[in-house]
Amino acid sequence: MRNLKPIYIVLGGSVITTLITFLVQLILTETIITGITEAITVSAIAGFASFITFYILVKLFITEKLKILYRSIRKGKFTNDDNKNFSLQEDVIEMAEIETKKWSEERTEEISMLKEQEEFRREFLGNLAHELKTPVFSIQGYILTLLDGGLEDESVNRLFLEKASKATERMTMILDDLDKITKMEADRINLDFKVFDMKELVTDVFGSLEIMAKEKNISLKFAKDFDPVFVRADKNKINQVIFNLLNNSISYGNENGTTEVRFYIMNDIVTVEISDDGIGMDPEELPRLFERFYRVEKSRNRTDGGSGLGLSIVKHIIELHKQTISVRSTVGIGSTFTFSLDKGRK
């Protein structure tokens, strides 16, 4: 019964009604021949009437109930095409089962996605509070010390003011980076595309990070002597990408280590690789590496390094250029970041 179409159920009921009517009429008639004729006539009329009656009643009952269900599922009104499909000649029960199952799966997926977003929101707010708490507490401590008498002590006042200034700069950096990401996500960043030499840009970044690299005796170099490599991109934004990636390689690199930059040119795409021989990362860390404030070393002092948004900004910048960035890493061996840009024609 479950798999029968409604039209067949109605038709079957009408046939049964016709046969019962025929038998009753046949038993009640006085003569066989006359009785058979009258029984057939009356039964046919009764069967047809019952078919029409059942059809209309079942159609009104089932279709109206299902229309309410479909309105709830689809969250909208029925079109003429929808009403045409809602006929008892179609297996509306099966249609309802399929649509309801599909709706249930979509809602389950939507709920799962909302839960993930809620979890990400909670983690993001927790990380943001943690990032800001360190400099705020530092500033508060320095100011209280100065107010408690340190202001008159020349050996303390200037030192504490300088430390408070550095903590303020860190807060400013975090807020500036958050503002950049927000604008990137809202597509409010206009890129200034131009053709420039990628090798020259990397060389300039090497120079700006030279002092930081020397502190850990890390060598910044090209994998080989490349010819000029021209790309078409926003030079300032790509400069930030290179700076963040090289800065990251130094921060998490080993003493006396090496960071190499290499280029690959294929058709109209230039691929840039930045490799180091630092601490590396576990494979399970990689999918979350570009999340805001995500840090591989949970024990790492929050006052070290940048804002915790560097890799997230890098990812957004590359995606604004309609390109992708990826990372591969092995614990104890090092990490390699790879991204691509459009080739420039000089």
C-alpha atoms as a PDB file:
ATOM      1  CA  MET A   1       0.000   0.000   0.000  1.00  0.00           C
ATOM      2  CA  ARG A   2       2.826   2.364   0.859  1.00  0.00           C
ATOM      3  CA  ASN A   3       4.335   2.346  -2.635  1.00  0.00           C
ATOM      4  CA  LEU A   4       1.011   2.639  -4.508  1.00  0.00           C
ATOM      5  CA  LYS A   5       0.217   5.929  -6.164  1.00  0.00           C
ATOM      6  CA  PRO A   6      -2.893   7.715  -4.809  1.00  0.00           C
ATOM      7  CA  ILE A   7      -4.672   7.441  -8.167  1.00  0.00           C
ATOM      8  CA  TYR A   8      -4.379   3.654  -8.024  1.00  0.00           C
ATOM      9  CA  ILE A   9      -5.736   3.543  -4.484  1.00  0.00           C
ATOM     10  CA  VAL A  10      -8.750   5.631  -5.523  1.00  0.00           C
ATOM     11  CA  LEU A  11      -9.293   3.508  -8.634  1.00  0.00           C
ATOM     12  CA  GLY A  12      -9.007   0.295  -6.652  1.00  0.00           C
ATOM     13  CA  GLY A  13     -11.512   1.510  -4.086  1.00  0.00           C
ATOM     14  CA  SER A  14     -13.923   2.461  -6.855  1.00  0.00           C
ATOM     15  CA  VAL A  15     -13.641  -0.959  -8.498  1.00  0.00           C
ATOM     16  CA  ILE A  16     -14.275  -2.709  -5.185  1.00  0.00           C
ATOM     17  CA  THR A  17     -17.322  -0.460  -4.610  1.00  0.00           C
ATOM     18  CA  THR A  18     -18.584  -1.318  -8.106  1.00  0.00           C
ATOM     19  CA  LEU A  19     -18.258  -5.076  -7.530  1.00  0.00           C
ATOM     20  CA  ILE A  20     -19.982  -4.931  -4.136  1.00  0.00           C
ATOM     21  CA  THR A  21     -22.808  -2.857  -5.606  1.00  0.00           C
ATOM     22  CA  PHE A  22     -23.099  -5.319  -8.503  1.00  0.00           C
ATOM     23  CA  LEU A  23     -23.356  -8.334  -6.186  1.00  0.00           C
ATOM     24  CA  VAL A  24     -25.901  -6.641  -3.906  1.00  0.00           C
ATOM     25  CA  GLN A  25     -28.037  -5.632  -6.898  1.00  0.00           C
ATOM     26  CA  LEU A  26     -27.795  -9.128  -8.358  1.00  0.00           C
ATOM     27  CA  ILE A  27     -28.962 -10.775  -5.115  1.00  0.00           C
ATOM     28  CA  LEU A  28     -31.917  -8.409  -4.723  1.00  0.00           C
ATOM     29  CA  THR A  29     -33.277  -8.682  -8.296  1.00  0.00           C
ATOM     30  CA  GLU A  30     -36.132 -11.085  -9.158  1.00  0.00           C
ATOM     31  CA  THR A  31     -34.993 -12.300 -12.603  1.00  0.00           C
ATOM     32  CA  ILE A  32     -31.458 -13.198 -13.592  1.00  0.00           C
ATOM     33  CA  ILE A  33     -31.332 -11.493 -17.037  1.00  0.00           C
ATOM     34  CA  THR A  34     -33.122  -8.331 -15.967  1.00  0.00           C
ATOM     35  CA  GLY A  35     -31.189  -8.384 -12.703  1.00  0.00           C
ATOM     36  CA  ILE A  36     -27.824  -8.603 -14.417  1.00  0.00           C
ATOM     37  CA  THR A  37     -28.625  -5.647 -16.683  1.00  0.00           C
ATOM     38  CA  GLU A  38     -29.882  -3.512 -13.841  1.00  0.00           C
ATOM     39  CA  ALA A  39     -27.001  -4.567 -11.580  1.00  0.00           C
ATOM     40  CA  ILE A  40     -24.393  -3.659 -14.191  1.00  0.00           C
ATOM     41  CA  THR A  41     -26.010  -0.278 -14.839  1.00  0.00           C
ATOM     42  CA  VAL A  42     -26.446   0.607 -11.181  1.00  0.00           C
ATOM     43  CA  SER A  43     -22.976  -0.700 -10.268  1.00  0.00           C
ATOM     44  CA  ALA A  44     -21.330   1.262 -13.072  1.00  0.00           C
ATOM     45  CA  ILE A  45     -23.059   4.446 -11.978  1.00  0.00           C
ATOM     46  CA  ALA A  46     -22.209   3.794  -8.323  1.00  0.00           C
ATOM     47  CA  GLY A  47     -18.574   2.964  -9.168  1.00  0.00           C
ATOM     48  CA  PHE A  48     -18.147   6.057 -11.302  1.00  0.00           C
ATOM     49  CA  ALA A  49     -19.769   8.239  -8.636  1.00  0.00           C
ATOM     50  CA  SER A  50     -17.569   6.754  -5.918  1.00  0.00           C
ATOM     51  CA  PHE A  51     -14.456   7.244  -8.092  1.00  0.00           C
ATOM     52  CA  ILE A  52     -15.262  10.917  -8.633  1.00  0.00           C
ATOM     53  CA  THR A  53     -16.107  11.388  -4.961  1.00  0.00           C
ATOM     54  CA  PHE A  54     -12.973   9.638  -3.692  1.00  0.00           C
ATOM     55  CA  TYR A  55     -10.801  11.390  -6.232  1.00  0.00           C
ATOM     56  CA  ILE A  56     -12.016  14.860  -5.265  1.00  0.00           C
ATOM     57  CA  LEU A  57     -11.900  14.220  -1.525  1.00  0.00           C
ATOM     58  CA  VAL A  58      -8.484  12.578  -1.548  1.00  0.00           C
ATOM     59  CA  LYS A  59      -7.109  15.212  -3.890  1.00  0.00           C
ATOM     60  CA  LEU A  60      -8.359  18.017  -1.684  1.00  0.00           C
ATOM     61  CA  PHE A  61      -7.102  16.341   1.466  1.00  0.00           C
ATOM     62  CA  ILE A  62      -3.669  15.198   0.268  1.00  0.00           C
ATOM     63  CA  THR A  63      -2.727  18.071  -2.004  1.00  0.00           C
ATOM     64  CA  GLU A  64      -3.797  20.769   0.433  1.00  0.00           C
ATOM     65  CA  LYS A  65      -1.882  19.116   3.255  1.00  0.00           C
ATOM     66  CA  LEU A  66       1.178  18.677   1.041  1.00  0.00           C
ATOM     67  CA  LYS A  67       0.986  22.241  -0.220  1.00  0.00           C
ATOM     68  CA  ILE A  68       1.229  23.452   3.387  1.00  0.00           C
ATOM     69  CA  LEU A  69       4.235  21.171   3.858  1.00  0.00           C
ATOM     70  CA  TYR A  70       5.878  22.415   0.658  1.00  0.00           C
ATOM     71  CA  ARG A  71       5.297  26.045   1.592  1.00  0.00           C
ATOM     72  CA  SER A  72       7.076  25.418   4.878  1.00  0.00           C
ATOM     73  CA  ILE A  73       9.959  23.663   3.141  1.00  0.00           C
ATOM     74  CA  ARG A  74      10.370  26.099   0.276  1.00  0.00           C
ATOM     75  CA  LYS A  75       9.490  29.197   2.307  1.00  0.00           C
ATOM     76  CA  GLY A  76       7.558  30.681  -0.569  1.00  0.00           C
ATOM     77  CA  LYS A  77       4.426  30.627  -2.691  1.00  0.00           C
ATOM     78  CA  PHE A  78       3.509  28.056  -5.291  1.00  0.00           C
ATOM     79  CA  THR A  79       3.939  28.858  -8.952  1.00  0.00           C
ATOM     80  CA  ASN A  80       1.713  27.590 -11.744  1.00  0.00           C
ATOM     81  CA  ASP A  81       4.339  24.989 -12.633  1.00  0.00           C
ATOM     82  CA  ASP A  82       4.345  23.733  -9.059  1.00  0.00           C
ATOM     83  CA  ASN A  83       0.565  23.364  -9.093  1.00  0.00           C
ATOM     84  CA  LYS A  84       0.724  21.393 -12.330  1.00  0.00           C
ATOM     85  CA  ASN A  85       3.139  18.940 -10.744  1.00  0.00           C
ATOM     86  CA  PHE A  86       0.837  18.588  -7.751  1.00  0.00           C
ATOM     87  CA  SER A  87      -1.528  16.129  -9.400  1.00  0.00           C
ATOM     88  CA  LEU A  88      -2.707  12.733  -8.228  1.00  0.00           C
ATOM     89  CA  GLN A  89      -1.395  11.311 -11.502  1.00  0.00           C
ATOM     90  CA  GLU A  90       2.045  11.875  -9.942  1.00  0.00           C
ATOM     91  CA  ASP A  91       3.344  10.065  -6.905  1.00  0.00           C
ATOM     92  CA  VAL A  92       2.943  13.044  -4.595  1.00  0.00           C
ATOM     93  CA  ILE A  93       3.604  10.978  -1.501  1.00  0.00           C
ATOM     94  CA  GLU A  94       6.955   9.879  -2.862  1.00  0.00           C
ATOM     95  CA  MET A  95       7.657  13.438  -4.009  1.00  0.00           C
ATOM     96  CA  ALA A  96       6.921  14.663  -0.505  1.00  0.00           C
ATOM     97  CA  GLU A  97       9.229  12.066   1.023  1.00  0.00           C
ATOM     98  CA  ILE A  98      12.069  13.009  -1.336  1.00  0.00           C
ATOM     99  CA  GLU A  99      11.596  16.750  -0.837  1.00  0.00           C
ATOM    100  CA  THR A 100      11.282  16.385   2.937  1.00  0.00           C
ATOM    101  CA  LYS A 101      14.417  14.238   3.115  1.00  0.00           C
ATOM    102  CA  LYS A 102      16.303  16.735   0.956  1.00  0.00           C
ATOM    103  CA  TRP A 103      15.072  19.620   3.122  1.00  0.00           C
ATOM    104  CA  SER A 104      16.100  17.761   6.278  1.00  0.00           C
ATOM    105  CA  GLU A 105      19.603  17.120   4.927  1.00  0.00           C
ATOM    106  CA  GLU A 106      19.989  20.762   3.909  1.00  0.00           C
ATOM    107  CA  ARG A 107      18.880  21.943   7.356  1.00  0.00           C
ATOM    108  CA  THR A 108      21.250  19.491   9.033  1.00  0.00           C
ATOM    109  CA  GLU A 109      24.122  20.791   6.911  1.00  0.00           C
ATOM    110  CA  GLU A 110      23.102  24.387   7.618  1.00  0.00           C
ATOM    111  CA  ILE A 111      22.938  23.735  11.372  1.00  0.00           C
ATOM    112  CA  SER A 112      26.345  22.066  11.264  1.00  0.00           C
ATOM    113  CA  MET A 113      27.777  25.074   9.397  1.00  0.00           C
ATOM    114  CA  LEU A 114      26.232  27.497  11.886  1.00  0.00           C
ATOM    115  CA  LYS A 115      27.729  25.529  14.768  1.00  0.00           C
ATOM    116  CA  GLU A 116      31.169  25.692  13.124  1.00  0.00           C
ATOM    117  CA  GLN A 117      30.778  29.433  12.584  1.00  0.00           C
ATOM    118  CA  GLU A 118      29.703  29.901  16.192  1.00  0.00           C
ATOM    119  CA  GLU A 119      32.714  27.907  17.375  1.00  0.00           C
ATOM    120  CA  PHE A 120      35.009  29.972  15.143  1.00  0.00           C
ATOM    121  CA  ARG A 121      33.414  33.197  16.457  1.00  0.00           C
ATOM    122  CA  ARG A 122      33.951  32.170  20.071  1.00  0.00           C
ATOM    123  CA  GLU A 123      37.535  31.138  19.393  1.00  0.00           C
ATOM    124  CA  PHE A 124      38.203  34.331  17.438  1.00  0.00           C
ATOM    125  CA  LEU A 125      36.849  36.555  20.215  1.00  0.00           C
ATOM    126  CA  GLY A 126      38.833  34.589  22.794  1.00  0.00           C
ATOM    127  CA  ASN A 127      42.027  34.940  20.767  1.00  0.00           C
ATOM    128  CA  LEU A 128      41.405  38.639  20.160  1.00  0.00           C
ATOM    129  CA  ALA A 129      40.879  39.241  23.873  1.00  0.00           C
ATOM    130  CA  HIS A 130      44.054  37.281  24.625  1.00  0.00           C
ATOM    131  CA  GLU A 131      46.075  39.232  22.061  1.00  0.00           C
ATOM    132  CA  LEU A 132      44.902  42.601  23.398  1.00  0.00           C
ATOM    133  CA  LYS A 133      45.053  41.637  27.066  1.00  0.00           C
ATOM    134  CA  THR A 134      48.860  41.351  27.165  1.00  0.00           C
ATOM    135  CA  PRO A 135      49.682  44.891  25.944  1.00  0.00           C
ATOM    136  CA  VAL A 136      46.772  46.419  27.904  1.00  0.00           C
ATOM    137  CA  PHE A 137      47.911  44.833  31.167  1.00  0.00           C
ATOM    138  CA  SER A 138      51.494  45.889  30.426  1.00  0.00           C
ATOM    139  CA  ILE A 139      50.464  49.502  29.852  1.00  0.00           C
ATOM    140  CA  GLN A 140      48.333  49.432  32.992  1.00  0.00           C
ATOM    141  CA  GLY A 141      51.229  48.092  35.062  1.00  0.00           C
ATOM    142  CA  TYR A 142      53.692  50.685  33.769  1.00  0.00           C
ATOM    143  CA  ILE A 143      51.269  53.566  34.401  1.00  0.00           C
ATOM    144  CA  LEU A 144      50.441  52.394  37.933  1.00  0.00           C
ATOM    145  CA  THR A 145      54.159  52.098  38.709  1.00  0.00           C
ATOM    146  CA  LEU A 146      54.751  55.633  37.473  1.00  0.00           C
ATOM    147  CA  LEU A 147      51.801  56.968  39.479  1.00  0.00           C
ATOM    148  CA  ASP A 148      53.048  55.229  42.623  1.00  0.00           C
ATOM    149  CA  GLY A 149      56.249  57.260  42.579  1.00  0.00           C
ATOM    150  CA  GLY A 150      58.156  56.015  39.599  1.00  0.00           C
ATOM    151  CA  LEU A 151      57.452  59.223  37.730  1.00  0.00           C
ATOM    152  CA  GLU A 152      59.933  61.082  39.938  1.00  0.00           C
ATOM    153  CA  ASP A 153      62.592  58.386  39.555  1.00  0.00           C
ATOM    154  CA  GLU A 154      64.617  59.269  36.455  1.00  0.00           C
ATOM    155  CA  SER A 155      66.026  55.758  36.230  1.00  0.00           C
ATOM    156  CA  VAL A 156      62.501  54.345  35.898  1.00  0.00           C
ATOM    157  CA  ASN A 157      60.183  56.899  34.324  1.00  0.00           C
ATOM    158  CA  ARG A 158      61.662  57.028  30.831  1.00  0.00           C
ATOM    159  CA  LEU A 159      62.181  53.247  30.664  1.00  0.00           C
ATOM    160  CA  PHE A 160      58.579  52.519  31.659  1.00  0.00           C
ATOM    161  CA  LEU A 161      57.209  55.131  29.281  1.00  0.00           C
ATOM    162  CA  GLU A 162      59.167  53.527  26.422  1.00  0.00           C
ATOM    163  CA  LYS A 163      57.812  50.093  27.351  1.00  0.00           C
ATOM    164  CA  ALA A 164      54.266  51.474  27.521  1.00  0.00           C
ATOM    165  CA  SER A 165      54.817  53.034  24.104  1.00  0.00           C
ATOM    166  CA  LYS A 166      55.894  49.686  22.640  1.00  0.00           C
ATOM    167  CA  ALA A 167      52.821  47.985  24.118  1.00  0.00           C
ATOM    168  CA  THR A 168      50.652  50.707  22.596  1.00  0.00           C
ATOM    169  CA  GLU A 169      52.310  50.177  19.224  1.00  0.00           C
ATOM    170  CA  ARG A 170      51.516  46.459  19.457  1.00  0.00           C
ATOM    171  CA  MET A 171      47.839  47.208  20.116  1.00  0.00           C
ATOM    172  CA  THR A 172      47.794  49.623  17.207  1.00  0.00           C
ATOM    173  CA  MET A 173      49.355  46.980  14.948  1.00  0.00           C
ATOM    174  CA  ILE A 174      46.712  44.410  15.915  1.00  0.00           C
ATOM    175  CA  LEU A 175      43.848  46.846  15.309  1.00  0.00           C
ATOM    176  CA  ASP A 176      45.349  48.031  11.996  1.00  0.00           C
ATOM    177  CA  ASP A 177      45.695  44.432  10.782  1.00  0.00           C
ATOM    178  CA  LEU A 178      42.116  43.663  11.826  1.00  0.00           C
ATOM    179  CA  ASP A 179      40.950  46.709   9.899  1.00  0.00           C
ATOM    180  CA  LYS A 180      42.866  45.536   6.815  1.00  0.00           C
ATOM    181  CA  ILE A 181      41.309  42.071   6.936  1.00  0.00           C
ATOM    182  CA  THR A 182      37.819  43.517   7.421  1.00  0.00           C
ATOM    183  CA  LYS A 183      38.230  45.735   4.363  1.00  0.00           C
ATOM    184  CA  MET A 184      39.617  42.842   2.312  1.00  0.00           C
ATOM    185  CA  GLU A 185      36.684  40.612   3.230  1.00  0.00           C
ATOM    186  CA  ALA A 186      34.256  43.379   2.313  1.00  0.00           C
ATOM    187  CA  ASP A 187      36.056  43.930  -1.036  1.00  0.00           C
ATOM    188  CA  ARG A 188      36.820  47.506  -0.063  1.00  0.00           C
ATOM    189  CA  ILE A 189      40.475  47.241  -1.051  1.00  0.00           C
ATOM    190  CA  ASN A 190      41.350  48.602  -4.491  1.00  0.00           C
ATOM    191  CA  LEU A 191      44.395  46.944  -6.003  1.00  0.00           C
ATOM    192  CA  ASP A 192      46.888  49.042  -7.956  1.00  0.00           C
ATOM    193  CA  PHE A 193      48.091  46.621 -10.612  1.00  0.00           C
ATOM    194  CA  LYS A 194      51.426  47.301 -12.236  1.00  0.00           C
ATOM    195  CA  VAL A 195      54.288  45.316 -13.717  1.00  0.00           C
ATOM    196  CA  PHE A 196      57.378  45.060 -11.506  1.00  0.00           C
ATOM    197  CA  ASP A 197      60.421  42.869 -10.911  1.00  0.00           C
ATOM    198  CA  MET A 198      59.672  40.306  -8.218  1.00  0.00           C
ATOM    199  CA  LYS A 199      63.356  39.558  -7.678  1.00  0.00           C
ATOM    200  CA  GLU A 200      64.060  43.211  -6.955  1.00  0.00           C
ATOM    201  CA  LEU A 201      61.162  43.416  -4.496  1.00  0.00           C
ATOM    202  CA  VAL A 202      62.359  40.309  -2.591  1.00  0.00           C
ATOM    203  CA  THR A 203      65.880  41.770  -2.461  1.00  0.00           C
ATOM    204  CA  ASP A 204      64.488  44.942  -0.866  1.00  0.00           C
ATOM    205  CA  VAL A 205      62.637  42.896   1.762  1.00  0.00           C
ATOM    206  CA  PHE A 206      65.827  40.938   2.469  1.00  0.00           C
ATOM    207  CA  GLY A 207      67.460  44.271   3.293  1.00  0.00           C
ATOM    208  CA  SER A 208      64.663  45.403   5.622  1.00  0.00           C
ATOM    209  CA  LEU A 209      64.850  42.134   7.587  1.00  0.00           C
ATOM    210  CA  GLU A 210      68.641  41.918   7.646  1.00  0.00           C
ATOM    211  CA  ILE A 211      69.054  43.008  11.297  1.00  0.00           C
ATOM    212  CA  MET A 212      66.345  40.627  12.497  1.00  0.00           C
ATOM    213  CA  ALA A 213      67.902  37.740  10.551  1.00  0.00           C
ATOM    214  CA  LYS A 214      71.385  38.463  11.915  1.00  0.00           C
ATOM    215  CA  GLU A 215      70.127  38.172  15.496  1.00  0.00           C
ATOM    216  CA  LYS A 216      69.502  34.449  14.826  1.00  0.00           C
ATOM    217  CA  ASN A 217      72.241  34.168  12.200  1.00  0.00           C
ATOM    218  CA  ILE A 218      69.671  33.154   9.558  1.00  0.00           C
ATOM    219  CA  SER A 219      70.708  33.507   5.936  1.00  0.00           C
ATOM    220  CA  LEU A 220      68.177  35.042   3.526  1.00  0.00           C
ATOM    221  CA  LYS A 221      68.975  34.180  -0.072  1.00  0.00           C
ATOM    222  CA  PHE A 222      67.719  33.119  -3.498  1.00  0.00           C
ATOM    223  CA  ALA A 223      67.896  29.447  -4.442  1.00  0.00           C
ATOM    224  CA  LYS A 224      69.992  30.490  -7.469  1.00  0.00           C
ATOM    225  CA  ASP A 225      70.918  33.559  -9.472  1.00  0.00           C
ATOM    226  CA  PHE A 226      67.587  34.357 -11.131  1.00  0.00           C
ATOM    227  CA  ASP A 227      67.109  36.735 -14.000  1.00  0.00           C
ATOM    228  CA  PRO A 228      64.552  39.527 -13.420  1.00  0.00           C
ATOM    229  CA  VAL A 229      61.095  37.989 -12.816  1.00  0.00           C
ATOM    230  CA  PHE A 230      58.282  40.317 -13.851  1.00  0.00           C
ATOM    231  CA  VAL A 231      54.778  39.966 -12.422  1.00  0.00           C
ATOM    232  CA  ARG A 232      51.590  41.996 -12.714  1.00  0.00           C
ATOM    233  CA  ALA A 233      50.189  42.732  -9.269  1.00  0.00           C
ATOM    234  CA  ASP A 234      49.793  45.342  -6.553  1.00  0.00           C
ATOM    235  CA  LYS A 235      53.418  45.939  -5.572  1.00  0.00           C
ATOM    236  CA  ASN A 236      52.710  47.282  -2.074  1.00  0.00           C
ATOM    237  CA  LYS A 237      50.401  44.396  -1.215  1.00  0.00           C
ATOM    238  CA  ILE A 238      52.839  41.764  -2.533  1.00  0.00           C
ATOM    239  CA  ASN A 239      55.625  43.485  -0.619  1.00  0.00           C
ATOM    240  CA  GLN A 240      53.543  42.894   2.508  1.00  0.00           C
ATOM    241  CA  VAL A 241      53.076  39.225   1.546  1.00  0.00           C
ATOM    242  CA  ILE A 242      56.823  38.681   1.106  1.00  0.00           C
ATOM    243  CA  PHE A 243      57.621  40.599   4.287  1.00  0.00           C
ATOM    244  CA  ASN A 244      55.130  38.585   6.383  1.00  0.00           C
ATOM    245  CA  LEU A 245      56.305  35.233   5.022  1.00  0.00           C
ATOM    246  CA  LEU A 246      60.015  36.003   5.458  1.00  0.00           C
ATOM    247  CA  ASN A 247      59.396  37.510   8.887  1.00  0.00           C
ATOM    248  CA  ASN A 248      57.547  34.320   9.816  1.00  0.00           C
ATOM    249  CA  SER A 249      60.408  32.145   8.602  1.00  0.00           C
ATOM    250  CA  ILE A 250      62.857  34.090  10.772  1.00  0.00           C
ATOM    251  CA  SER A 251      60.594  34.093  13.850  1.00  0.00           C
ATOM    252  CA  TYR A 252      60.100  30.317  13.710  1.00  0.00           C
ATOM    253  CA  GLY A 253      63.486  29.494  12.193  1.00  0.00           C
ATOM    254  CA  ASN A 254      66.393  27.769  13.874  1.00  0.00           C
ATOM    255  CA  GLU A 255      69.633  29.470  14.826  1.00  0.00           C
ATOM    256  CA  ASN A 256      72.131  29.439  11.926  1.00  0.00           C
ATOM    257  CA  GLY A 257      69.317  28.480   9.565  1.00  0.00           C
ATOM    258  CA  THR A 258      68.528  29.392   5.968  1.00  0.00           C
ATOM    259  CA  THR A 259      65.504  30.808   4.170  1.00  0.00           C
ATOM    260  CA  GLU A 260      65.468  30.476   0.389  1.00  0.00           C
ATOM    261  CA  VAL A 261      63.285  32.105  -2.244  1.00  0.00           C
ATOM    262  CA  ARG A 262      62.832  30.548  -5.665  1.00  0.00           C
ATOM    263  CA  PHE A 263      60.719  31.312  -8.724  1.00  0.00           C
ATOM    264  CA  TYR A 264      59.054  29.061 -11.288  1.00  0.00           C
ATOM    265  CA  ILE A 265      57.636  30.424 -14.529  1.00  0.00           C
ATOM    266  CA  MET A 266      55.065  28.414 -16.459  1.00  0.00           C
ATOM    267  CA  ASN A 267      53.027  29.959 -19.276  1.00  0.00           C
ATOM    268  CA  ASP A 268      51.448  33.135 -17.820  1.00  0.00           C
ATOM    269  CA  ILE A 269      51.916  32.231 -14.153  1.00  0.00           C
ATOM    270  CA  VAL A 270      54.847  32.976 -11.849  1.00  0.00           C
ATOM    271  CA  THR A 271      55.074  30.720  -8.791  1.00  0.00           C
ATOM    272  CA  VAL A 272      56.972  31.965  -5.741  1.00  0.00           C
ATOM    273  CA  GLU A 273      58.316  29.593  -3.087  1.00  0.00           C
ATOM    274  CA  ILE A 274      59.695  30.599   0.299  1.00  0.00           C
ATOM    275  CA  SER A 275      61.347  27.703   2.131  1.00  0.00           C
ATOM    276  CA  ASP A 276      63.034  27.499   5.515  1.00  0.00           C
ATOM    277  CA  ASP A 277      64.727  24.815   7.588  1.00  0.00           C
ATOM    278  CA  GLY A 278      62.946  25.808  10.795  1.00  0.00           C
ATOM    279  CA  ILE A 279      60.891  23.910  13.348  1.00  0.00           C
ATOM    280  CA  GLY A 280      58.211  22.805  10.865  1.00  0.00           C
ATOM    281  CA  MET A 281      54.594  21.927  11.668  1.00  0.00           C
ATOM    282  CA  ASP A 282      52.415  18.880  12.160  1.00  0.00           C
ATOM    283  CA  PRO A 283      50.109  18.052   9.224  1.00  0.00           C
ATOM    284  CA  GLU A 284      46.996  18.623  11.368  1.00  0.00           C
ATOM    285  CA  GLU A 285      48.104  22.222  11.975  1.00  0.00           C
ATOM    286  CA  LEU A 286      48.210  23.181   8.306  1.00  0.00           C
ATOM    287  CA  PRO A 287      44.453  23.509   7.533  1.00  0.00           C
ATOM    288  CA  ARG A 288      44.091  26.177  10.238  1.00  0.00           C
ATOM    289  CA  LEU A 289      47.361  27.965   9.620  1.00  0.00           C
ATOM    290  CA  PHE A 290      45.773  30.941   7.814  1.00  0.00           C
ATOM    291  CA  GLU A 291      43.104  31.541  10.461  1.00  0.00           C
ATOM    292  CA  ARG A 292      43.196  34.773  12.425  1.00  0.00           C
ATOM    293  CA  PHE A 293      45.352  34.578  15.557  1.00  0.00           C
ATOM    294  CA  TYR A 294      46.022  30.878  15.063  1.00  0.00           C
ATOM    295  CA  ARG A 295      49.444  29.991  16.438  1.00  0.00           C
ATOM    296  CA  VAL A 296      51.227  26.692  15.993  1.00  0.00           C
ATOM    297  CA  GLU A 297      53.182  27.140  19.234  1.00  0.00           C
ATOM    298  CA  LYS A 298      50.493  27.506  21.889  1.00  0.00           C
ATOM    299  CA  SER A 299      53.163  28.056  24.539  1.00  0.00           C
ATOM    300  CA  ARG A 300      54.761  30.906  22.589  1.00  0.00           C
ATOM    301  CA  ASN A 301      54.845  34.184  24.458  1.00  0.00           C
ATOM    302  CA  ARG A 302      52.190  36.461  23.007  1.00  0.00           C
ATOM    303  CA  THR A 303      54.505  39.432  23.195  1.00  0.00           C
ATOM    304  CA  ASP A 304      56.770  37.788  20.634  1.00  0.00           C
ATOM    305  CA  GLY A 305      56.180  38.017  16.929  1.00  0.00           C
ATOM    306  CA  GLY A 306      53.565  40.130  15.177  1.00  0.00           C
ATOM    307  CA  SER A 307      49.843  40.586  15.565  1.00  0.00           C
ATOM    308  CA  GLY A 308      48.938  36.959  14.880  1.00  0.00           C
ATOM    309  CA  LEU A 309      47.164  38.099  11.713  1.00  0.00           C
ATOM    310  CA  GLY A 310      50.087  38.023   9.280  1.00  0.00           C
ATOM    311  CA  LEU A 311      49.267  34.768   7.485  1.00  0.00           C
ATOM    312  CA  SER A 312      45.566  35.599   7.392  1.00  0.00           C
ATOM    313  CA  ILE A 313      46.405  38.902   5.662  1.00  0.00           C
ATOM    314  CA  VAL A 314      48.737  37.086   3.259  1.00  0.00           C
ATOM    315  CA  LYS A 315      45.948  34.703   2.250  1.00  0.00           C
ATOM    316  CA  HIS A 316      43.479  37.541   1.694  1.00  0.00           C
ATOM    317  CA  ILE A 317      45.937  39.511  -0.442  1.00  0.00           C
ATOM    318  CA  ILE A 318      46.713  36.534  -2.674  1.00  0.00           C
ATOM    319  CA  GLU A 319      43.010  35.732  -3.045  1.00  0.00           C
ATOM    320  CA  LEU A 320      42.334  39.369  -3.993  1.00  0.00           C
ATOM    321  CA  HIS A 321      44.736  38.726  -6.872  1.00  0.00           C
ATOM    322  CA  LYS A 322      42.558  35.708  -7.857  1.00  0.00           C
ATOM    323  CA  GLN A 323      45.396  33.353  -6.957  1.00  0.00           C
ATOM    324  CA  THR A 324      46.056  30.784  -4.239  1.00  0.00           C
ATOM    325  CA  ILE A 325      48.610  30.139  -1.523  1.00  0.00           C
ATOM    326  CA  SER A 326      49.529  26.782   0.003  1.00  0.00           C
ATOM    327  CA  VAL A 327      51.949  25.390   2.571  1.00  0.00           C
ATOM    328  CA  ARG A 328      53.731  22.104   3.115  1.00  0.00           C
ATOM    329  CA  SER A 329      55.718  21.356   6.220  1.00  0.00           C
ATOM    330  CA  THR A 330      57.503  18.620   8.149  1.00  0.00           C
ATOM    331  CA  VAL A 331      58.334  18.792  11.840  1.00  0.00           C
ATOM    332  CA  GLY A 332      62.047  19.310  12.369  1.00  0.00           C
ATOM    333  CA  ILE A 333      62.747  19.845   8.662  1.00  0.00           C
ATOM    334  CA  GLY A 334      61.031  23.107   7.767  1.00  0.00           C
ATOM    335  CA  SER A 335      58.172  24.718   5.874  1.00  0.00           C
ATOM    336  CA  THR A 336      57.544  25.928   2.341  1.00  0.00           C
ATOM    337  CA  PHE A 337      54.940  28.533   1.388  1.00  0.00           C
ATOM    338  CA  THR A 338      53.940  28.674  -2.282  1.00  0.00           C
ATOM    339  CA  PHE A 339      51.799  31.261  -4.061  1.00  0.00           C
ATOM    340  CA  SER A 340      51.287  32.332  -7.648  1.00  0.00           C
ATOM    341  CA  LEU A 341      50.861  35.605  -9.520  1.00  0.00           C
ATOM    342  CA  ASP A 342      50.157  36.637 -13.083  1.00  0.00           C
ATOM    343  CA  LYS A 343      53.257  37.005 -15.215  1.00  0.00           C
ATOM    344  CA  GLY A 344      54.037  40.562 -16.255  1.00  0.00           C
ATOM    345  CA  ARG A 345      55.210  41.656 -19.684  1.00  0.00           C
ATOM    346  CA  LYS A 346      57.899  44.336 -19.766  1.00  0.00           C
END
